[in-house]
All heavy atoms as atom14 arrays in JSON, in Angstrom:
{
  "sequence": "KAMQVAPTDISVLVTGESGVGKESIPKIIHSLSHRKHGK",
  "atom14_mask": [
    [1, 1, 1, 1, 1, 1, 1, 1, 1, 0, 0, 0, 0, 0],
    [1, 1, 1, 1, 1, 0, 0, 0, 0, 0, 0, 0, 0, 0],
    [1, 1, 1, 1, 1, 1, 1, 1, 0, 0, 0, 0, 0, 0],
    [1, 1, 1, 1, 1, 1, 1, 1, 1, 0, 0, 0, 0, 0],
    [1, 1, 1, 1, 1, 1, 1, 0, 0, 0, 0, 0, 0, 0],
    [1, 1, 1, 1, 1, 0, 0, 0, 0, 0, 0, 0, 0, 0],
    [1, 1, 1, 1, 1, 1, 1, 0, 0, 0, 0, 0, 0, 0],
    [1, 1, 1, 1, 1, 1, 1, 0, 0, 0, 0, 0, 0, 0],
    [1, 1, 1, 1, 1, 1, 1, 1, 0, 0, 0, 0, 0, 0],
    [1, 1, 1, 1, 1, 1, 1, 1, 0, 0, 0, 0, 0, 0],
    [1, 1, 1, 1, 1, 1, 0, 0, 0, 0, 0, 0, 0, 0],
    [1, 1, 1, 1, 1, 1, 1, 0, 0, 0, 0, 0, 0, 0],
    [1, 1, 1, 1, 1, 1, 1, 1, 0, 0, 0, 0, 0, 0],
    [1, 1, 1, 1, 1, 1, 1, 0, 0, 0, 0, 0, 0, 0],
    [1, 1, 1, 1, 1, 1, 1, 0, 0, 0, 0, 0, 0, 0],
    [1, 1, 1, 1, 0, 0, 0, 0, 0, 0, 0, 0, 0, 0],
    [1, 1, 1, 1, 1, 1, 1, 1, 1, 0, 0, 0, 0, 0],
    [1, 1, 1, 1, 1, 1, 0, 0, 0, 0, 0, 0, 0, 0],
    [1, 1, 1, 1, 0, 0, 0, 0, 0, 0, 0, 0, 0, 0],
    [1, 1, 1, 1, 1, 1, 1, 0, 0, 0, 0, 0, 0, 0],
    [1, 1, 1, 1, 0, 0, 0, 0, 0, 0, 0, 0, 0, 0],
    [1, 1, 1, 1, 1, 1, 1, 1, 1, 0, 0, 0, 0, 0],
    [1, 1, 1, 1, 1, 1, 1, 1, 1, 0, 0, 0, 0, 0],
    [1, 1, 1, 1, 1, 1, 0, 0, 0, 0, 0, 0, 0, 0],
    [1, 1, 1, 1, 1, 1, 1, 1, 0, 0, 0, 0, 0, 0],
    [1, 1, 1, 1, 1, 1, 1, 0, 0, 0, 0, 0, 0, 0],
    [1, 1, 1, 1, 1, 1, 1, 1, 1, 0, 0, 0, 0, 0],
    [1, 1, 1, 1, 1, 1, 1, 1, 0, 0, 0, 0, 0, 0],
    [1, 1, 1, 1, 1, 1, 1, 1, 0, 0, 0, 0, 0, 0],
    [1, 1, 1, 1, 1, 1, 1, 1, 1, 1, 0, 0, 0, 0],
    [1, 1, 1, 1, 1, 1, 0, 0, 0, 0, 0, 0, 0, 0],
    [1, 1, 1, 1, 1, 1, 1, 1, 0, 0, 0, 0, 0, 0],
    [1, 1, 1, 1, 1, 1, 0, 0, 0, 0, 0, 0, 0, 0],
    [1, 1, 1, 1, 1, 1, 1, 1, 1, 1, 0, 0, 0, 0],
    [1, 1, 1, 1, 1, 1, 1, 1, 1, 1, 1, 0, 0, 0],
    [1, 1, 1, 1, 1, 1, 1, 1, 1, 0, 0, 0, 0, 0],
    [1, 1, 1, 1, 1, 1, 1, 1, 1, 1, 0, 0, 0, 0],
    [1, 1, 1, 1, 0, 0, 0, 0, 0, 0, 0, 0, 0, 0],
    [1, 1, 1, 1, 1, 1, 1, 1, 1, 0, 0, 0, 0, 0]
  ],
  "atom14_positions": [
    [[13.08, 2.73, -17.12], [11.68, 2.89, -17.48], [10.76, 3.05, -16.2], [9.85, 3.81, -16.19], [11.12, 1.74, -18.25], [11.68, 1.61, -19.68], [11.21, 0.35, -20.49], [9.76, 0.37, -20.7], [9.3, -0.74, -21.52], [0.0, 0.0, 0.0], [0.0, 0.0, 0.0], [0.0, 0.0, 0.0], [0.0, 0.0, 0.0], [0.0, 0.0, 0.0]],
    [[11.13, 2.27, -15.19], [10.4, 2.39, -13.92], [10.55, 3.81, -13.32], [9.61, 4.38, -12.77], [10.94, 1.34, -12.88], [0.0, 0.0, 0.0], [0.0, 0.0, 0.0], [0.0, 0.0, 0.0], [0.0, 0.0, 0.0], [0.0, 0.0, 0.0], [0.0, 0.0, 0.0], [0.0, 0.0, 0.0], [0.0, 0.0, 0.0], [0.0, 0.0, 0.0]],
    [[11.74, 4.33, -13.4], [12.02, 5.68, -12.85], [11.33, 6.81, -13.7], [10.73, 7.76, -13.08], [13.51, 6.04, -12.83], [14.36, 5.1, -11.91], [16.07, 5.24, -12.21], [16.37, 6.97, -11.73], [0.0, 0.0, 0.0], [0.0, 0.0, 0.0], [0.0, 0.0, 0.0], [0.0, 0.0, 0.0], [0.0, 0.0, 0.0], [0.0, 0.0, 0.0]],
    [[11.18, 6.54, -14.94], [10.47, 7.49, -15.79], [9.03, 7.54, -15.62], [8.32, 8.6, -15.62], [10.85, 7.28, -17.25], [12.24, 7.62, -17.62], [12.58, 7.14, -19.12], [11.75, 6.51, -19.68], [13.78, 7.46, -19.52], [0.0, 0.0, 0.0], [0.0, 0.0, 0.0], [0.0, 0.0, 0.0], [0.0, 0.0, 0.0], [0.0, 0.0, 0.0]],
    [[8.41, 6.34, -15.36], [6.98, 6.26, -15.32], [6.54, 6.5, -13.87], [5.28, 6.74, -13.71], [6.54, 4.84, -15.8], [6.87, 3.74, -14.76], [5.03, 4.86, -16.15], [0.0, 0.0, 0.0], [0.0, 0.0, 0.0], [0.0, 0.0, 0.0], [0.0, 0.0, 0.0], [0.0, 0.0, 0.0], [0.0, 0.0, 0.0], [0.0, 0.0, 0.0]],
    [[7.34, 6.45, -12.88], [6.96, 6.66, -11.52], [6.19, 7.89, -11.12], [5.17, 7.79, -10.45], [8.24, 6.58, -10.62], [0.0, 0.0, 0.0], [0.0, 0.0, 0.0], [0.0, 0.0, 0.0], [0.0, 0.0, 0.0], [0.0, 0.0, 0.0], [0.0, 0.0, 0.0], [0.0, 0.0, 0.0], [0.0, 0.0, 0.0], [0.0, 0.0, 0.0]],
    [[6.47, 9.04, -11.63], [5.72, 10.27, -11.34], [4.34, 10.27, -11.83], [3.54, 11.16, -11.39], [6.62, 11.44, -11.92], [7.93, 10.85, -12.13], [7.72, 9.37, -12.44], [0.0, 0.0, 0.0], [0.0, 0.0, 0.0], [0.0, 0.0, 0.0], [0.0, 0.0, 0.0], [0.0, 0.0, 0.0], [0.0, 0.0, 0.0], [0.0, 0.0, 0.0]],
    [[4.01, 9.45, -12.75], [2.61, 9.42, -13.31], [1.76, 8.38, -12.55], [2.18, 7.64, -11.68], [2.62, 9.02, -14.83], [3.06, 7.63, -14.94], [3.68, 9.87, -15.54], [0.0, 0.0, 0.0], [0.0, 0.0, 0.0], [0.0, 0.0, 0.0], [0.0, 0.0, 0.0], [0.0, 0.0, 0.0], [0.0, 0.0, 0.0], [0.0, 0.0, 0.0]],
    [[0.52, 8.28, -12.98], [-0.41, 7.3, -12.46], [-0.75, 6.18, -13.37], [-1.76, 5.46, -13.29], [-1.75, 7.97, -12.02], [-1.62, 8.68, -10.61], [-0.71, 8.23, -9.93], [-2.33, 9.58, -10.38], [0.0, 0.0, 0.0], [0.0, 0.0, 0.0], [0.0, 0.0, 0.0], [0.0, 0.0, 0.0], [0.0, 0.0, 0.0], [0.0, 0.0, 0.0]],
    [[0.11, 6.03, -14.34], [-0.09, 5.0, -15.44], [0.05, 3.62, -14.87], [0.94, 3.34, -14.03], [0.91, 5.24, -16.66], [0.64, 6.53, -17.27], [0.74, 4.07, -17.67], [1.68, 6.88, -18.36], [0.0, 0.0, 0.0], [0.0, 0.0, 0.0], [0.0, 0.0, 0.0], [0.0, 0.0, 0.0], [0.0, 0.0, 0.0], [0.0, 0.0, 0.0]],
    [[-0.87, 2.66, -15.25], [-0.77, 1.29, -14.84], [0.56, 0.69, -15.53], [0.78, 0.89, -16.62], [-1.98, 0.53, -15.22], [-3.14, 1.05, -14.54], [0.0, 0.0, 0.0], [0.0, 0.0, 0.0], [0.0, 0.0, 0.0], [0.0, 0.0, 0.0], [0.0, 0.0, 0.0], [0.0, 0.0, 0.0], [0.0, 0.0, 0.0], [0.0, 0.0, 0.0]],
    [[1.19, -0.23, -14.78], [2.47, -0.81, -15.29], [2.32, -2.34, -15.15], [1.78, -2.91, -14.06], [3.6, -0.33, -14.5], [4.93, -1.04, -14.98], [3.78, 1.16, -14.63], [0.0, 0.0, 0.0], [0.0, 0.0, 0.0], [0.0, 0.0, 0.0], [0.0, 0.0, 0.0], [0.0, 0.0, 0.0], [0.0, 0.0, 0.0], [0.0, 0.0, 0.0]],
    [[2.76, -3.05, -16.16], [2.83, -4.52, -16.12], [4.26, -4.96, -16.22], [4.98, -4.65, -17.22], [2.05, -5.12, -17.25], [2.02, -6.63, -17.34], [1.4, -7.3, -16.09], [1.33, -7.16, -18.6], [0.0, 0.0, 0.0], [0.0, 0.0, 0.0], [0.0, 0.0, 0.0], [0.0, 0.0, 0.0], [0.0, 0.0, 0.0], [0.0, 0.0, 0.0]],
    [[4.76, -5.59, -15.21], [6.12, -6.15, -15.13], [6.14, -7.56, -15.6], [5.41, -8.36, -14.99], [6.7, -5.96, -13.76], [8.21, -6.4, -13.72], [6.6, -4.58, -13.19], [0.0, 0.0, 0.0], [0.0, 0.0, 0.0], [0.0, 0.0, 0.0], [0.0, 0.0, 0.0], [0.0, 0.0, 0.0], [0.0, 0.0, 0.0], [0.0, 0.0, 0.0]],
    [[6.9, -8.01, -16.61], [6.93, -9.3, -17.08], [8.38, -9.88, -16.93], [9.35, -9.11, -16.87], [6.52, -9.35, -18.56], [7.41, -8.55, -19.36], [5.11, -8.87, -18.74], [0.0, 0.0, 0.0], [0.0, 0.0, 0.0], [0.0, 0.0, 0.0], [0.0, 0.0, 0.0], [0.0, 0.0, 0.0], [0.0, 0.0, 0.0], [0.0, 0.0, 0.0]],
    [[8.44, -11.15, -16.92], [9.69, -11.81, -16.74], [9.56, -13.17, -16.13], [8.5, -13.48, -15.52], [0.0, 0.0, 0.0], [0.0, 0.0, 0.0], [0.0, 0.0, 0.0], [0.0, 0.0, 0.0], [0.0, 0.0, 0.0], [0.0, 0.0, 0.0], [0.0, 0.0, 0.0], [0.0, 0.0, 0.0], [0.0, 0.0, 0.0], [0.0, 0.0, 0.0]],
    [[10.55, -13.99, -16.22], [10.47, -15.38, -15.64], [10.53, -15.37, -14.14], [10.88, -14.26, -13.48], [11.72, -16.26, -16.16], [11.72, -16.43, -17.66], [12.86, -17.25, -18.06], [13.64, -17.7, -17.23], [13.04, -17.43, -19.35], [0.0, 0.0, 0.0], [0.0, 0.0, 0.0], [0.0, 0.0, 0.0], [0.0, 0.0, 0.0], [0.0, 0.0, 0.0]],
    [[10.09, -16.44, -13.55], [10.06, -16.46, -12.07], [11.5, -16.38, -11.48], [12.38, -17.09, -12.06], [9.45, -17.83, -11.67], [9.46, -17.94, -10.23], [0.0, 0.0, 0.0], [0.0, 0.0, 0.0], [0.0, 0.0, 0.0], [0.0, 0.0, 0.0], [0.0, 0.0, 0.0], [0.0, 0.0, 0.0], [0.0, 0.0, 0.0], [0.0, 0.0, 0.0]],
    [[11.66, -15.53, -10.53], [12.98, -15.42, -9.9], [13.87, -14.38, -10.42], [15.01, -14.36, -9.99], [0.0, 0.0, 0.0], [0.0, 0.0, 0.0], [0.0, 0.0, 0.0], [0.0, 0.0, 0.0], [0.0, 0.0, 0.0], [0.0, 0.0, 0.0], [0.0, 0.0, 0.0], [0.0, 0.0, 0.0], [0.0, 0.0, 0.0], [0.0, 0.0, 0.0]],
    [[13.46, -13.5, -11.29], [14.29, -12.44, -11.85], [14.21, -11.13, -11.03], [15.0, -10.29, -11.34], [13.84, -12.17, -13.37], [14.08, -13.32, -14.21], [12.41, -11.64, -13.4], [0.0, 0.0, 0.0], [0.0, 0.0, 0.0], [0.0, 0.0, 0.0], [0.0, 0.0, 0.0], [0.0, 0.0, 0.0], [0.0, 0.0, 0.0], [0.0, 0.0, 0.0]],
    [[13.33, -11.11, -10.0], [13.34, -9.92, -9.22], [12.29, -8.87, -9.56], [12.48, -7.73, -9.46], [0.0, 0.0, 0.0], [0.0, 0.0, 0.0], [0.0, 0.0, 0.0], [0.0, 0.0, 0.0], [0.0, 0.0, 0.0], [0.0, 0.0, 0.0], [0.0, 0.0, 0.0], [0.0, 0.0, 0.0], [0.0, 0.0, 0.0], [0.0, 0.0, 0.0]],
    [[11.11, -9.36, -10.05], [10.13, -8.43, -10.5], [9.51, -7.58, -9.33], [9.03, -6.49, -9.62], [8.99, -9.23, -11.2], [9.36, -10.0, -12.49], [8.14, -10.59, -13.15], [7.56, -11.63, -12.36], [8.43, -12.87, -12.31], [0.0, 0.0, 0.0], [0.0, 0.0, 0.0], [0.0, 0.0, 0.0], [0.0, 0.0, 0.0], [0.0, 0.0, 0.0]],
    [[9.64, -8.04, -8.19], [9.05, -7.32, -7.06], [9.81, -5.99, -6.73], [9.3, -5.08, -6.04], [9.05, -8.14, -5.75], [10.43, -8.57, -5.21], [11.07, -9.84, -5.97], [10.32, -10.34, -6.86], [12.2, -10.11, -5.64], [0.0, 0.0, 0.0], [0.0, 0.0, 0.0], [0.0, 0.0, 0.0], [0.0, 0.0, 0.0], [0.0, 0.0, 0.0]],
    [[10.98, -5.83, -7.32], [11.75, -4.61, -7.03], [11.24, -3.41, -7.92], [11.25, -2.23, -7.43], [13.33, -4.76, -7.47], [13.86, -5.8, -6.64], [0.0, 0.0, 0.0], [0.0, 0.0, 0.0], [0.0, 0.0, 0.0], [0.0, 0.0, 0.0], [0.0, 0.0, 0.0], [0.0, 0.0, 0.0], [0.0, 0.0, 0.0], [0.0, 0.0, 0.0]],
    [[10.65, -3.67, -9.06], [10.18, -2.6, -9.97], [9.01, -1.86, -9.24], [9.07, -0.64, -9.26], [9.76, -3.18, -11.29], [10.98, -3.84, -11.94], [9.15, -2.09, -12.1], [12.13, -2.9, -12.23], [0.0, 0.0, 0.0], [0.0, 0.0, 0.0], [0.0, 0.0, 0.0], [0.0, 0.0, 0.0], [0.0, 0.0, 0.0], [0.0, 0.0, 0.0]],
    [[7.97, -2.49, -8.73], [6.91, -1.73, -8.09], [7.26, -0.89, -6.9], [6.8, 0.17, -6.62], [5.82, -2.75, -7.71], [6.59, -4.08, -7.75], [7.63, -3.95, -8.77], [0.0, 0.0, 0.0], [0.0, 0.0, 0.0], [0.0, 0.0, 0.0], [0.0, 0.0, 0.0], [0.0, 0.0, 0.0], [0.0, 0.0, 0.0], [0.0, 0.0, 0.0]],
    [[8.35, -1.38, -6.15], [8.85, -0.65, -5.04], [9.53, 0.64, -5.57], [9.38, 1.7, -4.93], [9.85, -1.49, -4.24], [9.17, -2.65, -3.55], [10.28, -3.47, -2.82], [9.65, -4.63, -2.09], [10.68, -5.48, -1.39], [0.0, 0.0, 0.0], [0.0, 0.0, 0.0], [0.0, 0.0, 0.0], [0.0, 0.0, 0.0], [0.0, 0.0, 0.0]],
    [[10.28, 0.58, -6.61], [10.94, 1.73, -7.21], [9.83, 2.73, -7.64], [9.93, 3.91, -7.4], [11.82, 1.31, -8.44], [13.01, 0.5, -7.92], [12.33, 2.55, -9.12], [13.86, -0.05, -9.01], [0.0, 0.0, 0.0], [0.0, 0.0, 0.0], [0.0, 0.0, 0.0], [0.0, 0.0, 0.0], [0.0, 0.0, 0.0], [0.0, 0.0, 0.0]],
    [[8.82, 2.2, -8.34], [7.76, 3.07, -8.92], [7.03, 3.83, -7.73], [6.78, 5.01, -7.79], [6.73, 2.25, -9.71], [7.38, 1.77, -10.97], [5.52, 3.05, -10.06], [6.61, 0.83, -11.87], [0.0, 0.0, 0.0], [0.0, 0.0, 0.0], [0.0, 0.0, 0.0], [0.0, 0.0, 0.0], [0.0, 0.0, 0.0], [0.0, 0.0, 0.0]],
    [[6.7, 3.06, -6.68], [5.99, 3.68, -5.56], [6.87, 4.68, -4.82], [6.36, 5.81, -4.5], [5.6, 2.56, -4.6], [4.84, 3.13, -3.34], [3.61, 3.6, -3.32], [5.28, 3.19, -2.01], [3.26, 4.04, -2.1], [4.37, 3.76, -1.34], [0.0, 0.0, 0.0], [0.0, 0.0, 0.0], [0.0, 0.0, 0.0], [0.0, 0.0, 0.0]],
    [[8.09, 4.35, -4.6], [8.94, 5.29, -3.81], [9.31, 6.54, -4.52], [9.55, 7.58, -3.88], [10.19, 4.54, -3.41], [11.02, 4.24, -4.5], [0.0, 0.0, 0.0], [0.0, 0.0, 0.0], [0.0, 0.0, 0.0], [0.0, 0.0, 0.0], [0.0, 0.0, 0.0], [0.0, 0.0, 0.0], [0.0, 0.0, 0.0], [0.0, 0.0, 0.0]],
    [[9.24, 6.57, -5.83], [9.61, 7.74, -6.65], [8.32, 8.45, -7.11], [8.41, 9.46, -7.91], [10.43, 7.34, -7.82], [11.8, 6.74, -7.56], [12.52, 6.37, -8.78], [12.63, 7.65, -6.63], [0.0, 0.0, 0.0], [0.0, 0.0, 0.0], [0.0, 0.0, 0.0], [0.0, 0.0, 0.0], [0.0, 0.0, 0.0], [0.0, 0.0, 0.0]],
    [[7.1, 8.03, -6.64], [5.95, 8.71, -7.13], [5.34, 9.63, -6.03], [5.87, 9.67, -4.92], [4.87, 7.61, -7.41], [4.44, 7.01, -6.23], [0.0, 0.0, 0.0], [0.0, 0.0, 0.0], [0.0, 0.0, 0.0], [0.0, 0.0, 0.0], [0.0, 0.0, 0.0], [0.0, 0.0, 0.0], [0.0, 0.0, 0.0], [0.0, 0.0, 0.0]],
    [[4.34, 10.36, -6.35], [3.74, 11.3, -5.4], [2.92, 10.56, -4.34], [2.41, 11.13, -3.4], [2.88, 12.35, -6.09], [1.73, 11.76, -6.9], [0.47, 11.44, -6.31], [1.6, 11.34, -8.22], [-0.29, 10.89, -7.23], [0.31, 10.83, -8.37], [0.0, 0.0, 0.0], [0.0, 0.0, 0.0], [0.0, 0.0, 0.0], [0.0, 0.0, 0.0]],
    [[2.83, 9.18, -4.57], [2.03, 8.43, -3.6], [3.0, 7.75, -2.59], [2.52, 6.82, -1.87], [1.32, 7.26, -4.35], [0.28, 7.74, -5.34], [-0.26, 6.55, -6.17], [-1.29, 6.96, -7.09], [-2.61, 7.06, -6.86], [-3.11, 6.78, -5.72], [-3.41, 7.47, -7.8], [0.0, 0.0, 0.0], [0.0, 0.0, 0.0], [0.0, 0.0, 0.0]],
    [[4.23, 8.14, -2.5], [5.19, 7.47, -1.66], [4.83, 7.53, -0.14], [5.27, 6.68, 0.64], [6.6, 8.05, -1.87], [6.68, 9.55, -1.59], [8.08, 10.04, -1.94], [8.18, 11.53, -1.68], [9.5, 12.12, -2.09], [0.0, 0.0, 0.0], [0.0, 0.0, 0.0], [0.0, 0.0, 0.0], [0.0, 0.0, 0.0], [0.0, 0.0, 0.0]],
    [[4.03, 8.5, 0.22], [3.53, 8.61, 1.64], [2.28, 7.77, 1.84], [1.89, 7.63, 3.02], [3.32, 10.0, 2.04], [4.6, 10.88, 1.89], [5.67, 10.65, 2.67], [4.85, 11.96, 1.1], [6.64, 11.51, 2.31], [6.14, 12.39, 1.41], [0.0, 0.0, 0.0], [0.0, 0.0, 0.0], [0.0, 0.0, 0.0], [0.0, 0.0, 0.0]],
    [[1.73, 7.22, 0.78], [0.57, 6.38, 0.96], [0.96, 4.98, 1.2], [2.19, 4.64, 1.26], [0.0, 0.0, 0.0], [0.0, 0.0, 0.0], [0.0, 0.0, 0.0], [0.0, 0.0, 0.0], [0.0, 0.0, 0.0], [0.0, 0.0, 0.0], [0.0, 0.0, 0.0], [0.0, 0.0, 0.0], [0.0, 0.0, 0.0], [0.0, 0.0, 0.0]],
    [[0.0, 4.06, 1.35], [0.29, 2.67, 1.55], [0.77, 1.92, 0.28], [0.33, 2.23, -0.86], [-0.93, 1.92, 2.11], [-1.26, 2.28, 3.55], [-2.35, 1.39, 4.06], [-2.69, 1.66, 5.56], [-3.76, 0.78, 6.08], [0.0, 0.0, 0.0], [0.0, 0.0, 0.0], [0.0, 0.0, 0.0], [0.0, 0.0, 0.0], [0.0, 0.0, 0.0]]
  ]
}
């Protein structure tokens, strides 16, 4: 789902318990989007 939504500018909410690795999803989304050269 993160890979599919990455090329768009849609807002994404990542849910899950503490410690499941939620911080990896926004990194995937940013790196696969057209904003990857931005901050």
